[in-house]
Amino acid sequence: MENKDYMDVVEDVTLIKLDSKMLETLGLGGVFTLTHKDKNGKILSVTKHRNLITNEGKDYILDAALHGATNVADWYFAIFTSGSAAAGNTYATPNRTEATTTVNESTRPAWGEGASSGQSVTNASAATVTANGSLAVTGIGVVGSPSADGDADTKGDTACADCVLLSDVDVAKTLATTETLDITYAINA
């Protein structure tokens, strides 16, 4: 066997080329649709916000789809009142403050996602959050737990050991007392 020097190896490596026509990526992303309504149900605004899938969320998707990790059965919306979306945010360290007393609902609203169709998963009906006093929403996260005893539906919880922050988005919505925010989320590949 012939001994190659460093330059011969470099030349051999430069000959390796990828066929760019065969390159496929999963390219996950999502869109939140927020419908802000007054206390009588009149629509005040409808906005769409692209979100990021957190690193923790990407790891979960890969583990659940390809490594046999336990699937999350139920996903919930966490309503944030401070902080910013970031890929490194996690369930345990979201770097955000969650609305607990300024939201009427006793638990986080359920996403209620359906089956994948056309490389997209969304909720058939919107989840609703009702303001209990002035509510300044700065972001929304999608959270879940693969265990039945996880606290993914508990507002303000960050102690759940196996919970996941799947996605994170920055928004700027201020709701007055009894106004609502209907949330629809679609994740697409």
Protein backbone atom coordinates (compact mmCIF):
# COMPACT_ATOMS: atom_id res chain seq x y z
CA MET A 1 0.00 0.00 0.00
CA GLU A 2 1.32 3.37 -1.01
CA ASN A 3 2.01 6.03 1.59
CA LYS A 4 0.42 9.34 0.67
CA ASP A 5 1.68 12.62 1.94
CA TYR A 6 -0.59 15.38 3.28
CA MET A 7 -1.04 17.17 -0.09
CA ASP A 8 -2.13 13.97 -1.87
CA VAL A 9 -4.81 13.36 0.77
CA VAL A 10 -6.04 16.96 0.47
CA GLU A 11 -6.28 16.57 -3.31
CA ASP A 12 -8.25 13.32 -2.91
CA VAL A 13 -10.67 14.98 -0.48
CA THR A 14 -11.28 17.92 -2.82
CA LEU A 15 -12.42 15.46 -5.48
CA ILE A 16 -15.34 14.38 -3.32
CA LYS A 17 -18.41 16.32 -4.42
CA LEU A 18 -22.02 16.23 -3.31
CA ASP A 19 -24.79 16.03 -5.85
CA SER A 20 -26.80 19.09 -4.83
CA LYS A 21 -29.85 17.82 -6.73
CA MET A 22 -30.14 14.94 -4.26
CA LEU A 23 -29.98 17.07 -1.11
CA GLU A 24 -33.19 17.09 0.95
CA THR A 25 -33.70 18.83 4.27
CA LEU A 26 -36.50 18.53 6.78
CA GLY A 27 -36.69 22.31 7.17
CA LEU A 28 -39.18 22.46 10.04
CA GLY A 29 -40.89 25.73 10.85
CA GLY A 30 -44.21 26.88 12.14
CA VAL A 31 -46.73 29.70 11.99
CA PHE A 32 -48.89 30.97 14.82
CA THR A 33 -52.17 32.64 13.82
CA LEU A 34 -53.45 34.89 16.61
CA THR A 35 -56.99 36.25 16.61
CA HIS A 36 -57.49 39.02 19.19
CA LYS A 37 -61.16 39.54 20.16
CA ASP A 38 -62.90 41.99 22.46
CA LYS A 39 -65.17 40.88 25.33
CA ASN A 40 -68.13 40.62 22.89
CA GLY A 41 -66.25 38.41 20.45
CA LYS A 42 -65.60 41.13 17.85
CA ILE A 43 -62.32 40.53 16.04
CA LEU A 44 -59.82 43.30 16.78
CA SER A 45 -56.89 41.86 14.81
CA VAL A 46 -55.58 38.73 13.14
CA THR A 47 -51.81 38.33 12.89
CA LYS A 48 -49.46 35.57 11.75
CA HIS A 49 -46.06 34.96 13.32
CA ARG A 50 -43.33 32.61 12.10
CA ASN A 51 -41.65 30.78 14.94
CA LEU A 52 -38.50 28.84 15.53
CA ILE A 53 -38.20 25.21 16.52
CA THR A 54 -35.93 25.13 19.58
CA ASN A 55 -32.84 22.92 19.72
CA GLU A 56 -34.64 20.95 22.44
CA GLY A 57 -37.61 20.56 20.08
CA LYS A 58 -35.44 19.36 17.19
CA ASP A 59 -33.74 16.82 19.46
CA TYR A 60 -37.15 15.58 20.64
CA ILE A 61 -38.45 15.21 17.06
CA LEU A 62 -35.37 13.27 15.99
CA ASP A 63 -35.42 11.07 19.11
CA ALA A 64 -39.16 10.33 18.84
CA ALA A 65 -39.15 9.70 15.09
CA LEU A 66 -35.84 7.88 14.67
CA HIS A 67 -34.65 6.60 18.02
CA GLY A 68 -37.84 5.19 19.54
CA ALA A 69 -38.23 7.79 22.32
CA THR A 70 -41.67 8.08 23.88
CA ASN A 71 -44.01 10.38 21.97
CA VAL A 72 -45.68 13.39 23.55
CA ALA A 73 -49.43 12.76 23.55
CA ASP A 74 -50.61 16.25 24.52
CA TRP A 75 -49.12 19.65 23.67
CA TYR A 76 -49.98 22.98 25.29
CA PHE A 77 -49.44 26.70 24.70
CA ALA A 78 -47.35 28.62 27.22
CA ILE A 79 -48.16 32.35 27.19
CA PHE A 80 -45.09 34.49 27.90
CA THR A 81 -45.04 38.05 29.24
CA SER A 82 -41.31 38.76 29.00
CA GLY A 83 -38.14 37.47 27.39
CA SER A 84 -37.34 36.56 23.79
CA ALA A 85 -37.52 33.50 21.59
CA ALA A 86 -34.17 31.73 21.14
CA ALA A 87 -33.08 28.36 19.76
CA GLY A 88 -31.34 27.59 23.08
CA ASN A 89 -34.44 28.15 25.23
CA THR A 90 -35.61 24.96 26.97
CA TYR A 91 -38.58 23.89 29.05
CA ALA A 92 -36.48 24.02 32.22
CA THR A 93 -34.83 27.31 31.27
CA PRO A 94 -37.18 29.18 28.93
CA ASN A 95 -35.53 32.57 29.68
CA ARG A 96 -39.05 33.97 29.67
CA THR A 97 -41.76 34.69 32.25
CA GLU A 98 -45.06 32.88 31.80
CA ALA A 99 -48.46 34.46 32.44
CA THR A 100 -50.09 32.70 35.39
CA THR A 101 -52.47 35.09 37.16
CA THR A 102 -53.23 37.35 34.16
CA VAL A 103 -54.80 34.45 32.25
CA ASN A 104 -58.26 33.20 33.33
CA GLU A 105 -57.78 29.58 32.30
CA SER A 106 -56.63 27.34 35.16
CA THR A 107 -54.19 25.39 32.95
CA ARG A 108 -52.24 26.00 29.77
CA PRO A 109 -54.54 25.76 26.75
CA ALA A 110 -54.19 22.53 24.74
CA TRP A 111 -52.87 22.70 21.17
CA GLY A 112 -55.13 19.82 20.06
CA GLU A 113 -53.07 19.00 16.98
CA GLY A 114 -54.37 16.67 14.29
CA ALA A 115 -52.59 14.10 12.13
CA SER A 116 -50.02 15.19 9.56
CA SER A 117 -51.40 16.04 6.14
CA GLY A 118 -49.39 17.54 3.30
CA GLN A 119 -46.31 17.80 5.57
CA SER A 120 -48.23 19.98 8.05
CA VAL A 121 -49.76 19.50 11.51
CA THR A 122 -52.20 22.03 12.98
CA ASN A 123 -55.07 22.34 15.43
CA ALA A 124 -58.56 22.04 13.91
CA SER A 125 -60.01 24.54 16.36
CA ALA A 126 -58.24 27.43 18.02
CA ALA A 127 -57.14 27.34 21.65
CA THR A 128 -58.37 30.37 23.60
CA VAL A 129 -56.71 32.45 26.30
CA THR A 130 -58.78 34.99 28.26
CA ALA A 131 -57.17 38.02 29.89
CA ASN A 132 -57.71 38.42 33.64
CA GLY A 133 -56.69 42.08 33.85
CA SER A 134 -54.24 43.66 31.43
CA LEU A 135 -52.21 40.98 29.64
CA ALA A 136 -49.13 41.93 27.62
CA VAL A 137 -48.20 38.87 25.58
CA THR A 138 -44.58 38.88 24.36
CA GLY A 139 -44.39 35.29 23.18
CA ILE A 140 -45.93 31.85 22.94
CA GLY A 141 -44.31 28.44 23.31
CA VAL A 142 -45.54 24.94 22.53
CA VAL A 143 -44.74 22.55 25.40
CA GLY A 144 -45.38 18.88 26.09
CA SER A 145 -44.38 15.83 28.13
CA PRO A 146 -44.13 12.20 27.03
CA SER A 147 -45.11 10.98 30.51
CA ALA A 148 -48.66 10.92 31.84
CA ASP A 149 -47.54 12.48 35.11
CA GLY A 150 -45.69 15.39 33.43
CA ASP A 151 -46.78 18.94 34.28
CA ALA A 152 -46.82 20.33 30.74
CA ASP A 153 -50.35 21.70 31.28
CA THR A 154 -49.40 23.54 34.52
CA LYS A 155 -48.97 27.29 34.04
CA GLY A 156 -45.55 28.49 35.18
CA ASP A 157 -44.07 25.00 35.58
CA THR A 158 -40.41 24.54 34.61
CA ALA A 159 -39.61 21.59 36.89
CA CYS A 160 -41.00 18.77 34.73
CA ALA A 161 -37.96 16.59 34.04
CA ASP A 162 -39.05 15.20 30.65
CA CYS A 163 -41.04 18.16 29.31
CA VAL A 164 -40.05 19.78 26.01
CA LEU A 165 -40.24 23.35 24.68
CA LEU A 166 -40.92 22.51 21.03
CA SER A 167 -41.28 25.98 19.56
CA ASP A 168 -41.00 29.60 20.56
CA VAL A 169 -42.20 32.85 18.96
CA ASP A 170 -42.04 36.54 19.78
CA VAL A 171 -45.29 38.51 19.55
CA ALA A 172 -46.55 41.86 20.83
CA LYS A 173 -50.20 41.72 21.89
CA THR A 174 -51.86 43.57 24.75
CA LEU A 175 -55.25 42.33 25.89
CA ALA A 176 -57.61 44.17 28.22
CA THR A 177 -59.68 42.35 30.87
CA THR A 178 -61.92 39.63 29.34
CA GLU A 179 -60.47 40.05 25.84
CA THR A 180 -59.40 36.78 24.23
CA LEU A 181 -56.60 35.49 22.07
CA ASP A 182 -57.44 32.53 19.84
CA ILE A 183 -54.31 30.56 18.92
CA THR A 184 -53.83 28.31 15.93
CA TYR A 185 -50.44 26.76 15.28
CA ALA A 186 -49.23 24.90 12.21
CA ILE A 187 -45.85 23.19 12.02
CA ASN A 188 -44.65 22.45 8.51
CA ALA A 189 -41.87 20.45 6.91
